[in-house]
Structure formats: structure tokens, C-alpha cells
Amino acid sequence: MASRLVLAVTFVLDLIAFALAVAAEQRRSTSKIQKDGNSSYCVYDSDIATGLGVGAFLFLLTSQALLMIVSRCLCCGKALRPSGSRSWAIVLFITSWVFFCIAEACLLAGSVRNAYHTKYRTKFANENLSCETLRKGIFGAGAAFVVFTGIVSEFYYASYSKANDAEAHYARDTGVRMQNL
């Protein structure tokens, strides 16, 4: 039986990661071109989205690590009984890791890119200056994959627990018997 405490803790961690990723999307850095005499430069607003993105990254990492420790990462410990639950556990394990890697990549790349600020100054006011900012939707994609990771990970843990607690389907000896003819 799947531990309700583990499921609740991972749900809360995933929910916090999702909320932080959505907040990071809303608070992305924006910039303005500031003119100073004959030169222009970029002025960026607060950089809070970077911290929110890193926080979401860490909460999702903690959630995934907790489930992998509790389930022994599917590969350590005793073998699971052959059943449909074991098959689902394997499929959901792989899927949760794919979604996790995509979510973490979006959150980390968004945080790094949001923290990057151009330092270029132009000498003439008529020259075009580009103030680079994070593209809209990177943290949003990370938030979406946080949700996917959370859902699939919870189903993985439930399937793993069901397969781990299952009884053997065979009641008799499976060995080959030798008899005299």
C-alpha cells in the first residue's frame, strides 16, 4: 500500500514548485533603454524571477529525490512481482524521469537566462540597442512539466507500491522435476 504521507509530501512539494514557476513567469525581468547624453544603455527591473525559478527547481528536485529514495529508484531492493502494476511502474518511472528532466531544464535555463543582463552601451543615440530579456513562456513550460512530473510520479509510486506488495501468482513449485520412468 502506498504511503499516504509520502504522497502528501510529494504533492505539497510539487504544488510549491508549480506556484514558484508560475510566479517566476509573471515576474520575469523587463528592460528599458535609458539615454544618458550621447550614450544609451539597458536598465533592468528586479531580478526576483531568477530566485523563484531556482526555488521551483529545488522543490521539484526534492520531490523527485524523495520518491526515488522511498521506492529505491525501482532498480535497487527486492524485485517486483510480475504483474500489470510492475509494467505500469516501469513505464511511469521512465515517463516521470523524462518529464522531470524537461521541467528542470526549463527552470534552470529560465533562471540562468533571466539573470543575464546585457551591459552594452552605445555611443550614439540613433544606434539600435537591444536589451535582451528572457523569452515569455520558459518558466510557463517549466510549470506545465512540473504538473506532468507530479502527476506521473504519484501514479508511479502508487503502481510501485502495489507491485511491491503483490502476492506471487504461482502457488506451486516452478522448478523442473526429475522422475523415474
C-alpha atoms as a PDB file:
ATOM      1  CA  MET A   1       0.000   0.000   0.000  1.00  0.00           C
ATOM      2  CA  ALA A   2       1.345   3.400  -0.977  1.00  0.00           C
ATOM      3  CA  SER A   3       2.217   5.620   1.946  1.00  0.00           C
ATOM      4  CA  ARG A   4      -0.237   8.492   2.183  1.00  0.00           C
ATOM      5  CA  LEU A   5       2.373  10.604   3.939  1.00  0.00           C
ATOM      6  CA  VAL A   6       4.835  10.219   1.052  1.00  0.00           C
ATOM      7  CA  LEU A   7       2.102  11.012  -1.470  1.00  0.00           C
ATOM      8  CA  ALA A   8       1.012  14.083   0.519  1.00  0.00           C
ATOM      9  CA  VAL A   9       4.555  15.414   0.968  1.00  0.00           C
ATOM     10  CA  THR A  10       5.425  14.992  -2.709  1.00  0.00           C
ATOM     11  CA  PHE A  11       2.132  16.625  -3.700  1.00  0.00           C
ATOM     12  CA  VAL A  12       2.872  19.642  -1.492  1.00  0.00           C
ATOM     13  CA  LEU A  13       6.448  19.912  -2.822  1.00  0.00           C
ATOM     14  CA  ASP A  14       5.202  19.723  -6.424  1.00  0.00           C
ATOM     15  CA  LEU A  15       2.499  22.289  -5.681  1.00  0.00           C
ATOM     16  CA  ILE A  16       5.066  24.707  -4.242  1.00  0.00           C
ATOM     17  CA  ALA A  17       7.352  24.138  -7.248  1.00  0.00           C
ATOM     18  CA  PHE A  18       4.427  24.858  -9.582  1.00  0.00           C
ATOM     19  CA  ALA A  19       3.478  28.042  -7.721  1.00  0.00           C
ATOM     20  CA  LEU A  20       7.073  29.286  -7.780  1.00  0.00           C
ATOM     21  CA  ALA A  21       7.402  28.560 -11.505  1.00  0.00           C
ATOM     22  CA  VAL A  22       4.172  30.447 -12.264  1.00  0.00           C
ATOM     23  CA  ALA A  23       5.337  33.348 -10.105  1.00  0.00           C
ATOM     24  CA  ALA A  24       8.678  33.360 -11.929  1.00  0.00           C
ATOM     25  CA  GLU A  25       6.847  33.556 -15.257  1.00  0.00           C
ATOM     26  CA  GLN A  26       4.861  36.533 -14.005  1.00  0.00           C
ATOM     27  CA  ARG A  27       7.918  38.321 -12.599  1.00  0.00           C
ATOM     28  CA  ARG A  28      10.366  37.888 -15.491  1.00  0.00           C
ATOM     29  CA  SER A  29      12.886  40.689 -15.886  1.00  0.00           C
ATOM     30  CA  THR A  30      11.948  43.514 -18.202  1.00  0.00           C
ATOM     31  CA  SER A  31      14.196  46.233 -19.513  1.00  0.00           C
ATOM     32  CA  LYS A  32      14.135  49.782 -20.785  1.00  0.00           C
ATOM     33  CA  ILE A  33      16.625  51.736 -22.822  1.00  0.00           C
ATOM     34  CA  GLN A  34      17.971  54.627 -20.788  1.00  0.00           C
ATOM     35  CA  LYS A  35      19.523  57.587 -22.577  1.00  0.00           C
ATOM     36  CA  ASP A  36      22.389  59.405 -20.925  1.00  0.00           C
ATOM     37  CA  GLY A  37      23.674  62.260 -23.053  1.00  0.00           C
ATOM     38  CA  ASN A  38      25.157  60.724 -26.208  1.00  0.00           C
ATOM     39  CA  SER A  39      25.025  57.138 -24.975  1.00  0.00           C
ATOM     40  CA  SER A  40      22.282  54.609 -24.302  1.00  0.00           C
ATOM     41  CA  TYR A  41      22.203  51.578 -22.028  1.00  0.00           C
ATOM     42  CA  CYS A  42      19.775  48.958 -20.748  1.00  0.00           C
ATOM     43  CA  VAL A  43      18.102  49.255 -17.351  1.00  0.00           C
ATOM     44  CA  TYR A  44      16.609  46.057 -15.922  1.00  0.00           C
ATOM     45  CA  ASP A  45      13.974  45.811 -13.219  1.00  0.00           C
ATOM     46  CA  SER A  46      14.133  43.426 -10.262  1.00  0.00           C
ATOM     47  CA  ASP A  47      15.669  40.004 -10.696  1.00  0.00           C
ATOM     48  CA  ILE A  48      13.280  38.087  -8.427  1.00  0.00           C
ATOM     49  CA  ALA A  49      12.247  35.601 -11.145  1.00  0.00           C
ATOM     50  CA  THR A  50      15.696  34.029 -11.020  1.00  0.00           C
ATOM     51  CA  GLY A  51      15.288  33.186  -7.325  1.00  0.00           C
ATOM     52  CA  LEU A  52      11.752  31.930  -7.880  1.00  0.00           C
ATOM     53  CA  GLY A  53      12.940  29.703 -10.735  1.00  0.00           C
ATOM     54  CA  VAL A  54      15.762  28.285  -8.638  1.00  0.00           C
ATOM     55  CA  GLY A  55      13.310  27.683  -5.784  1.00  0.00           C
ATOM     56  CA  ALA A  56      10.961  25.791  -8.105  1.00  0.00           C
ATOM     57  CA  PHE A  57      13.957  23.810  -9.382  1.00  0.00           C
ATOM     58  CA  LEU A  58      14.951  22.819  -5.839  1.00  0.00           C
ATOM     59  CA  PHE A  59      11.420  21.916  -4.682  1.00  0.00           C
ATOM     60  CA  LEU A  60      10.872  19.694  -7.725  1.00  0.00           C
ATOM     61  CA  LEU A  61      14.296  18.107  -7.202  1.00  0.00           C
ATOM     62  CA  THR A  62      13.423  17.398  -3.561  1.00  0.00           C
ATOM     63  CA  SER A  63      10.097  15.844  -4.537  1.00  0.00           C
ATOM     64  CA  GLN A  64      11.664  13.569  -7.136  1.00  0.00           C
ATOM     65  CA  ALA A  65      14.518  12.609  -4.792  1.00  0.00           C
ATOM     66  CA  LEU A  66      12.053  11.715  -2.035  1.00  0.00           C
ATOM     67  CA  LEU A  67      10.085   9.390  -4.310  1.00  0.00           C
ATOM     68  CA  MET A  68      13.241   7.775  -5.664  1.00  0.00           C
ATOM     69  CA  ILE A  69      14.623   7.186  -2.166  1.00  0.00           C
ATOM     70  CA  VAL A  70      11.363   5.699  -0.919  1.00  0.00           C
ATOM     71  CA  SER A  71      10.953   3.462  -3.978  1.00  0.00           C
ATOM     72  CA  ARG A  72      14.676   2.674  -4.127  1.00  0.00           C
ATOM     73  CA  CYS A  73      14.771   4.118  -7.634  1.00  0.00           C
ATOM     74  CA  LEU A  74      12.987   0.986  -8.939  1.00  0.00           C
ATOM     75  CA  CYS A  75      16.310  -0.745  -9.589  1.00  0.00           C
ATOM     76  CA  CYS A  76      17.579  -1.361  -6.056  1.00  0.00           C
ATOM     77  CA  GLY A  77      15.984  -3.588  -3.474  1.00  0.00           C
ATOM     78  CA  LYS A  78      13.921  -6.718  -3.992  1.00  0.00           C
ATOM     79  CA  ALA A  79      12.464  -7.466  -7.397  1.00  0.00           C
ATOM     80  CA  LEU A  80       8.853  -6.561  -8.032  1.00  0.00           C
ATOM     81  CA  ARG A  81       6.355  -9.327  -8.637  1.00  0.00           C
ATOM     82  CA  PRO A  82       5.376  -9.882 -12.267  1.00  0.00           C
ATOM     83  CA  SER A  83       2.061  -8.094 -12.764  1.00  0.00           C
ATOM     84  CA  GLY A  84       0.385  -5.262 -14.593  1.00  0.00           C
ATOM     85  CA  SER A  85       1.336  -2.943 -11.735  1.00  0.00           C
ATOM     86  CA  ARG A  86       5.018  -3.696 -12.317  1.00  0.00           C
ATOM     87  CA  SER A  87       4.655  -2.906 -16.010  1.00  0.00           C
ATOM     88  CA  TRP A  88       2.903   0.362 -15.225  1.00  0.00           C
ATOM     89  CA  ALA A  89       5.523   1.191 -12.606  1.00  0.00           C
ATOM     90  CA  ILE A  90       8.304   0.783 -15.180  1.00  0.00           C
ATOM     91  CA  VAL A  91       6.516   2.875 -17.822  1.00  0.00           C
ATOM     92  CA  LEU A  92       5.606   5.595 -15.321  1.00  0.00           C
ATOM     93  CA  PHE A  93       9.144   5.579 -13.881  1.00  0.00           C
ATOM     94  CA  ILE A  94      10.646   6.328 -17.300  1.00  0.00           C
ATOM     95  CA  THR A  95       7.957   8.897 -18.122  1.00  0.00           C
ATOM     96  CA  SER A  96       8.384  10.694 -14.808  1.00  0.00           C
ATOM     97  CA  TRP A  97      12.135  10.997 -15.386  1.00  0.00           C
ATOM     98  CA  VAL A  98      11.617  12.366 -18.903  1.00  0.00           C
ATOM     99  CA  PHE A  99       9.126  14.969 -17.633  1.00  0.00           C
ATOM    100  CA  PHE A 100      11.390  15.738 -14.668  1.00  0.00           C
ATOM    101  CA  CYS A 101      14.408  16.386 -16.901  1.00  0.00           C
ATOM    102  CA  ILE A 102      12.390  18.673 -19.183  1.00  0.00           C
ATOM    103  CA  ALA A 103      10.941  20.609 -16.228  1.00  0.00           C
ATOM    104  CA  GLU A 104      14.323  21.012 -14.572  1.00  0.00           C
ATOM    105  CA  ALA A 105      15.920  22.107 -17.858  1.00  0.00           C
ATOM    106  CA  CYS A 106      13.223  24.755 -18.393  1.00  0.00           C
ATOM    107  CA  LEU A 107      13.500  26.052 -14.828  1.00  0.00           C
ATOM    108  CA  LEU A 108      17.292  26.109 -14.816  1.00  0.00           C
ATOM    109  CA  ALA A 109      17.615  27.637 -18.289  1.00  0.00           C
ATOM    110  CA  GLY A 110      14.954  30.220 -17.456  1.00  0.00           C
ATOM    111  CA  SER A 111      16.718  31.167 -14.235  1.00  0.00           C
ATOM    112  CA  VAL A 112      20.110  31.483 -15.895  1.00  0.00           C
ATOM    113  CA  ARG A 113      18.770  33.419 -18.859  1.00  0.00           C
ATOM    114  CA  ASN A 114      16.688  35.715 -16.644  1.00  0.00           C
ATOM    115  CA  ALA A 115      19.789  36.560 -14.603  1.00  0.00           C
ATOM    116  CA  TYR A 116      21.704  37.544 -17.746  1.00  0.00           C
ATOM    117  CA  HIS A 117      21.738  41.284 -18.373  1.00  0.00           C
ATOM    118  CA  THR A 118      23.434  42.971 -21.280  1.00  0.00           C
ATOM    119  CA  LYS A 119      25.976  45.594 -20.320  1.00  0.00           C
ATOM    120  CA  TYR A 120      26.372  47.191 -23.739  1.00  0.00           C
ATOM    121  CA  ARG A 121      26.433  50.945 -24.115  1.00  0.00           C
ATOM    122  CA  THR A 122      26.134  52.733 -27.393  1.00  0.00           C
ATOM    123  CA  LYS A 123      27.922  55.991 -28.110  1.00  0.00           C
ATOM    124  CA  PHE A 124      25.282  57.473 -30.379  1.00  0.00           C
ATOM    125  CA  ALA A 125      21.620  57.879 -29.543  1.00  0.00           C
ATOM    126  CA  ASN A 126      20.458  56.870 -33.046  1.00  0.00           C
ATOM    127  CA  GLU A 127      22.153  53.453 -32.964  1.00  0.00           C
ATOM    128  CA  ASN A 128      19.849  50.466 -32.303  1.00  0.00           C
ATOM    129  CA  LEU A 129      20.335  48.860 -28.901  1.00  0.00           C
ATOM    130  CA  SER A 130      18.848  45.500 -27.974  1.00  0.00           C
ATOM    131  CA  CYS A 131      18.154  44.805 -24.311  1.00  0.00           C
ATOM    132  CA  GLU A 132      17.969  41.031 -24.073  1.00  0.00           C
ATOM    133  CA  THR A 133      15.408  39.517 -21.710  1.00  0.00           C
ATOM    134  CA  LEU A 134      14.041  36.051 -21.090  1.00  0.00           C
ATOM    135  CA  ARG A 135      11.565  34.925 -23.686  1.00  0.00           C
ATOM    136  CA  LYS A 136       7.994  34.617 -22.459  1.00  0.00           C
ATOM    137  CA  GLY A 137       6.864  31.076 -21.702  1.00  0.00           C
ATOM    138  CA  ILE A 138      10.062  29.390 -20.490  1.00  0.00           C
ATOM    139  CA  PHE A 139       9.002  29.337 -16.838  1.00  0.00           C
ATOM    140  CA  GLY A 140       5.447  28.566 -18.002  1.00  0.00           C
ATOM    141  CA  ALA A 141       6.687  25.461 -19.812  1.00  0.00           C
ATOM    142  CA  GLY A 142       8.625  24.518 -16.692  1.00  0.00           C
ATOM    143  CA  ALA A 143       5.449  24.930 -14.620  1.00  0.00           C
ATOM    144  CA  ALA A 144       3.495  22.711 -17.018  1.00  0.00           C
ATOM    145  CA  PHE A 145       6.117  19.988 -16.841  1.00  0.00           C
ATOM    146  CA  VAL A 146       6.196  20.306 -13.041  1.00  0.00           C
ATOM    147  CA  VAL A 147       2.493  19.372 -13.101  1.00  0.00           C
ATOM    148  CA  PHE A 148       3.114  16.482 -15.506  1.00  0.00           C
ATOM    149  CA  THR A 149       6.017  15.257 -13.380  1.00  0.00           C
ATOM    150  CA  GLY A 150       3.946  15.460 -10.208  1.00  0.00           C
ATOM    151  CA  ILE A 151       1.016  13.509 -11.645  1.00  0.00           C
ATOM    152  CA  VAL A 152       3.117  10.800 -13.253  1.00  0.00           C
ATOM    153  CA  SER A 153       5.377  10.468 -10.204  1.00  0.00           C
ATOM    154  CA  GLU A 154       2.391   9.973  -7.887  1.00  0.00           C
ATOM    155  CA  PHE A 155       0.984   7.274 -10.186  1.00  0.00           C
ATOM    156  CA  TYR A 156       4.450   5.700 -10.405  1.00  0.00           C
ATOM    157  CA  TYR A 157       4.715   5.468  -6.635  1.00  0.00           C
ATOM    158  CA  ALA A 158       1.208   4.009  -6.334  1.00  0.00           C
ATOM    159  CA  SER A 159       1.948   1.391  -9.024  1.00  0.00           C
ATOM    160  CA  TYR A 160       5.320   0.613  -7.489  1.00  0.00           C
ATOM    161  CA  SER A 161       3.746   0.111  -4.060  1.00  0.00           C
ATOM    162  CA  LYS A 162       1.034  -2.118  -5.468  1.00  0.00           C
ATOM    163  CA  ALA A 163       3.577  -4.255  -7.345  1.00  0.00           C
ATOM    164  CA  ASN A 164       5.879  -4.362  -4.316  1.00  0.00           C
ATOM    165  CA  ASP A 165       3.109  -5.605  -2.023  1.00  0.00           C
ATOM    166  CA  ALA A 166       1.618  -8.086  -4.516  1.00  0.00           C
ATOM    167  CA  GLU A 167       1.411 -11.772  -3.760  1.00  0.00           C
ATOM    168  CA  ALA A 168       3.054 -14.321  -6.008  1.00  0.00           C
ATOM    169  CA  HIS A 169       0.585 -15.608  -8.614  1.00  0.00           C
ATOM    170  CA  TYR A 170       2.070 -19.055  -8.762  1.00  0.00           C
ATOM    171  CA  ALA A 171       1.328 -21.413  -5.883  1.00  0.00           C
ATOM    172  CA  ARG A 172       3.283 -24.451  -6.895  1.00  0.00           C
ATOM    173  CA  ASP A 173       6.948 -25.110  -7.441  1.00  0.00           C
ATOM    174  CA  THR A 174       8.237 -23.620 -10.683  1.00  0.00           C
ATOM    175  CA  GLY A 175      11.301 -25.873 -10.913  1.00  0.00           C
ATOM    176  CA  VAL A 176      11.685 -28.799 -13.299  1.00  0.00           C
ATOM    177  CA  ARG A 177      11.071 -32.112 -11.586  1.00  0.00           C
ATOM    178  CA  MET A 178      13.045 -35.193 -12.461  1.00  0.00           C
ATOM    179  CA  GLN A 179      11.252 -38.513 -12.096  1.00  0.00           C
ATOM    180  CA  ASN A 180      11.970 -42.135 -12.883  1.00  0.00           C
ATOM    181  CA  LEU A 181      10.160 -43.684 -15.799  1.00  0.00           C
END
